């Protein structure tokens, strides 16, 4: 077997068997230019959306971003303690919004029953003052709990955070309540 040397046999004496030729099938199209290939790749990566799909995608993205930002904001231990402290106690503020709606409805009766409007307005102001007093008592109690559980923790922004959570209806609080009323936090 001579790999790197010439055949010693003349070409006439050699018998070659013909190799069957299969027809080659081409791409049936020209090779795309670089510009076309990059555009096709971009199309696959950044697909075009209909208006409805784009709106759904934007809504999903916004919800994800809101939840991420909320979890970052809510993750501090002093805010978690404030949430548990608020959720474990009975708050007058939970009833503020429903009672204000009822008082507002009663104030529409001013032409028919003017005395009811005056009484409902006085009741509304008394209820708001009692919610503020409840908030003051809540803040005093929370500062004592915070000092024992997390000494040297900053209290900046916690009063308004607690008041905001206190006046929300318990079912609609975000993040949801982890402790029940009267339960130890």
Protein backbone atom coordinates (compact mmCIF):
# COMPACT_ATOMS: atom_id res chain seq x y z
CA UNK A 1 0.00 0.00 0.00
CA UNK A 2 1.65 3.15 -1.20
CA UNK A 3 0.35 6.16 0.43
CA UNK A 4 2.83 8.87 -0.47
CA UNK A 5 4.35 7.56 -3.68
CA UNK A 6 3.21 7.29 -7.19
CA UNK A 7 1.49 4.26 -8.39
CA UNK A 8 3.80 2.02 -10.28
CA UNK A 9 0.99 0.74 -12.47
CA UNK A 10 0.18 2.66 -15.59
CA UNK A 11 -3.23 4.30 -15.80
CA UNK A 12 -4.41 1.95 -18.57
CA UNK A 13 -3.99 -1.16 -16.47
CA UNK A 14 -5.82 0.20 -13.47
CA UNK A 15 -9.51 -0.55 -13.18
CA UNK A 16 -11.54 1.92 -11.22
CA UNK A 17 -15.00 1.29 -10.01
CA UNK A 18 -17.23 4.31 -10.50
CA UNK A 19 -18.67 5.83 -7.32
CA UNK A 20 -22.38 6.38 -7.62
CA UNK A 21 -23.16 10.11 -7.64
CA UNK A 22 -26.07 11.31 -5.54
CA UNK A 23 -27.55 14.57 -6.66
CA UNK A 24 -26.62 17.33 -4.19
CA UNK A 25 -29.55 19.31 -2.95
CA UNK A 26 -28.72 22.98 -2.43
CA UNK A 27 -30.23 25.45 0.00
CA UNK A 28 -32.59 26.65 -2.71
CA UNK A 29 -31.87 30.20 -1.61
CA UNK A 30 -28.83 32.45 -1.45
CA UNK A 31 -26.83 32.88 1.73
CA UNK A 32 -28.25 35.84 3.68
CA UNK A 33 -26.14 38.92 4.06
CA UNK A 34 -24.84 39.87 7.47
CA UNK A 35 -27.43 42.63 7.73
CA UNK A 36 -30.26 40.20 7.01
CA UNK A 37 -28.88 37.59 9.43
CA UNK A 38 -28.57 40.12 12.25
CA UNK A 39 -32.08 41.41 11.59
CA UNK A 40 -33.43 37.85 11.73
CA UNK A 41 -31.58 37.23 15.00
CA UNK A 42 -32.95 40.44 16.50
CA UNK A 43 -36.41 39.43 15.37
CA UNK A 44 -36.07 36.13 17.24
CA UNK A 45 -34.74 37.79 20.38
CA UNK A 46 -37.05 40.83 20.35
CA UNK A 47 -40.21 39.54 18.86
CA UNK A 48 -42.81 42.01 17.75
CA UNK A 49 -45.92 41.99 19.88
CA UNK A 50 -49.44 43.03 19.12
CA UNK A 51 -50.85 45.91 21.14
CA UNK A 52 -52.74 43.52 23.39
CA UNK A 53 -49.67 41.32 23.96
CA UNK A 54 -47.50 44.37 24.59
CA UNK A 55 -49.99 45.69 27.17
CA UNK A 56 -50.15 42.31 28.92
CA UNK A 57 -46.35 42.07 28.92
CA UNK A 58 -45.99 45.62 30.27
CA UNK A 59 -48.55 44.91 33.00
CA UNK A 60 -46.72 41.75 34.00
CA UNK A 61 -43.38 43.58 34.04
CA UNK A 62 -44.79 46.47 36.11
CA UNK A 63 -46.34 44.07 38.61
CA UNK A 64 -43.04 42.23 38.97
CA UNK A 65 -41.14 45.48 39.48
CA UNK A 66 -43.68 46.72 42.04
CA UNK A 67 -43.49 43.46 43.97
CA UNK A 68 -39.67 43.54 43.90
CA UNK A 69 -39.57 47.16 45.09
CA UNK A 70 -42.17 46.46 47.77
CA UNK A 71 -40.31 43.44 49.07
CA UNK A 72 -37.07 45.46 49.25
CA UNK A 73 -38.84 48.28 51.07
CA UNK A 74 -40.75 45.98 53.41
CA UNK A 75 -37.87 43.66 54.25
CA UNK A 76 -36.33 45.65 57.09
CA UNK A 77 -36.77 43.99 60.50
CA UNK A 78 -38.25 47.09 62.12
CA UNK A 79 -41.00 47.30 59.49
CA UNK A 80 -41.74 43.60 59.90
CA UNK A 81 -42.03 44.15 63.65
CA UNK A 82 -44.32 47.16 63.04
CA UNK A 83 -46.56 45.08 60.75
CA UNK A 84 -46.83 42.29 63.30
CA UNK A 85 -47.44 44.79 66.11
CA UNK A 86 -50.27 46.48 64.16
CA UNK A 87 -51.81 43.19 63.03
CA UNK A 88 -51.82 41.71 66.54
CA UNK A 89 -53.87 44.52 68.08
CA UNK A 90 -57.38 45.86 67.58
CA UNK A 91 -57.27 49.17 65.70
CA UNK A 92 -60.05 51.74 65.40
CA UNK A 93 -58.48 52.89 62.16
CA UNK A 94 -59.67 49.76 60.36
CA UNK A 95 -63.21 51.09 60.58
CA UNK A 96 -62.34 54.65 59.53
CA UNK A 97 -62.91 54.28 55.80
CA UNK A 98 -66.24 52.38 56.01
CA UNK A 99 -67.56 54.77 58.66
CA UNK A 100 -66.56 57.81 56.59
CA UNK A 101 -68.48 56.38 53.63
CA UNK A 102 -71.59 55.99 55.82
CA UNK A 103 -71.18 59.50 57.23
CA UNK A 104 -70.78 60.91 53.74
CA UNK A 105 -73.96 59.15 52.64
CA UNK A 106 -75.77 60.63 55.64
CA UNK A 107 -74.51 64.11 54.75
CA UNK A 108 -76.41 63.90 51.44
CA UNK A 109 -79.60 63.96 53.46
CA UNK A 110 -78.93 67.57 54.48
CA UNK A 111 -81.95 68.95 52.66
CA UNK A 112 -84.39 66.43 54.11
CA UNK A 113 -82.90 66.07 57.60
CA UNK A 114 -80.47 68.88 58.45
CA UNK A 115 -80.11 67.71 62.06
CA UNK A 116 -78.70 64.30 60.92
CA UNK A 117 -76.05 66.08 58.85
CA UNK A 118 -74.83 68.08 61.83
CA UNK A 119 -74.79 65.02 64.08
CA UNK A 120 -72.97 62.91 61.47
CA UNK A 121 -70.36 65.64 60.97
CA UNK A 122 -69.70 65.83 64.73
CA UNK A 123 -69.50 62.02 64.91
CA UNK A 124 -67.07 62.01 61.98
CA UNK A 125 -64.71 64.47 63.70
CA UNK A 126 -64.93 62.58 67.00
CA UNK A 127 -64.12 59.33 65.22
CA UNK A 128 -61.12 60.87 63.44
CA UNK A 129 -59.82 62.24 66.76
CA UNK A 130 -60.26 58.82 68.40
CA UNK A 131 -58.33 57.16 65.53
CA UNK A 132 -55.51 59.68 66.00
CA UNK A 133 -55.50 58.98 69.76
CA UNK A 134 -55.38 55.25 69.03
CA UNK A 135 -52.46 55.91 66.68
CA UNK A 136 -50.64 57.84 69.40
CA UNK A 137 -51.12 54.98 71.87
CA UNK A 138 -50.01 52.49 69.23
CA UNK A 139 -46.82 54.47 68.57
CA UNK A 140 -45.94 54.67 72.29
CA UNK A 141 -46.42 50.93 72.69
CA UNK A 142 -44.45 50.15 69.54
CA UNK A 143 -41.48 52.27 70.58
CA UNK A 144 -41.22 50.25 73.82
CA UNK A 145 -41.38 46.95 71.91
CA UNK A 146 -38.84 48.20 69.36
CA UNK A 147 -36.43 49.29 72.11
CA UNK A 148 -36.52 45.84 73.70
CA UNK A 149 -36.43 43.73 70.52
CA UNK A 150 -34.27 45.83 68.18
CA UNK A 151 -32.21 48.31 70.18
CA UNK A 152 -30.62 51.12 68.17
CA UNK A 153 -33.00 50.48 65.23
CA UNK A 154 -33.97 53.65 63.35
CA UNK A 155 -37.55 54.82 63.78
CA UNK A 156 -37.53 57.13 60.76
CA UNK A 157 -40.71 56.69 58.74
CA UNK A 158 -42.16 54.03 61.01
CA UNK A 159 -44.87 56.26 62.52
CA UNK A 160 -46.43 57.04 59.15
CA UNK A 161 -45.93 53.45 58.02
CA UNK A 162 -47.76 52.22 61.11
CA UNK A 163 -50.55 54.79 60.80
CA UNK A 164 -51.03 53.90 57.15
CA UNK A 165 -51.22 50.20 57.96
CA UNK A 166 -53.47 50.87 60.93
CA UNK A 167 -56.17 52.63 58.87
CA UNK A 168 -56.23 49.99 56.14
CA UNK A 169 -58.93 47.36 56.21
CA UNK A 170 -57.24 44.20 57.48
CA UNK A 171 -58.23 42.12 54.44
CA UNK A 172 -56.59 44.58 52.02
CA UNK A 173 -53.29 45.05 53.81
CA UNK A 174 -50.16 44.44 51.75
CA UNK A 175 -48.20 42.39 52.69
CA UNK A 176 -50.92 40.29 54.24
CA UNK A 177 -51.15 39.95 58.01
CA UNK A 178 -49.03 37.11 59.43
CA UNK A 179 -50.44 37.17 62.95
CA UNK A 180 -54.00 37.07 64.18
CA UNK A 181 -55.54 39.61 66.53
CA UNK A 182 -54.47 39.00 70.11
CA UNK A 183 -51.71 36.58 69.03
CA UNK A 184 -48.13 37.08 70.21
CA UNK A 185 -45.89 38.61 67.56
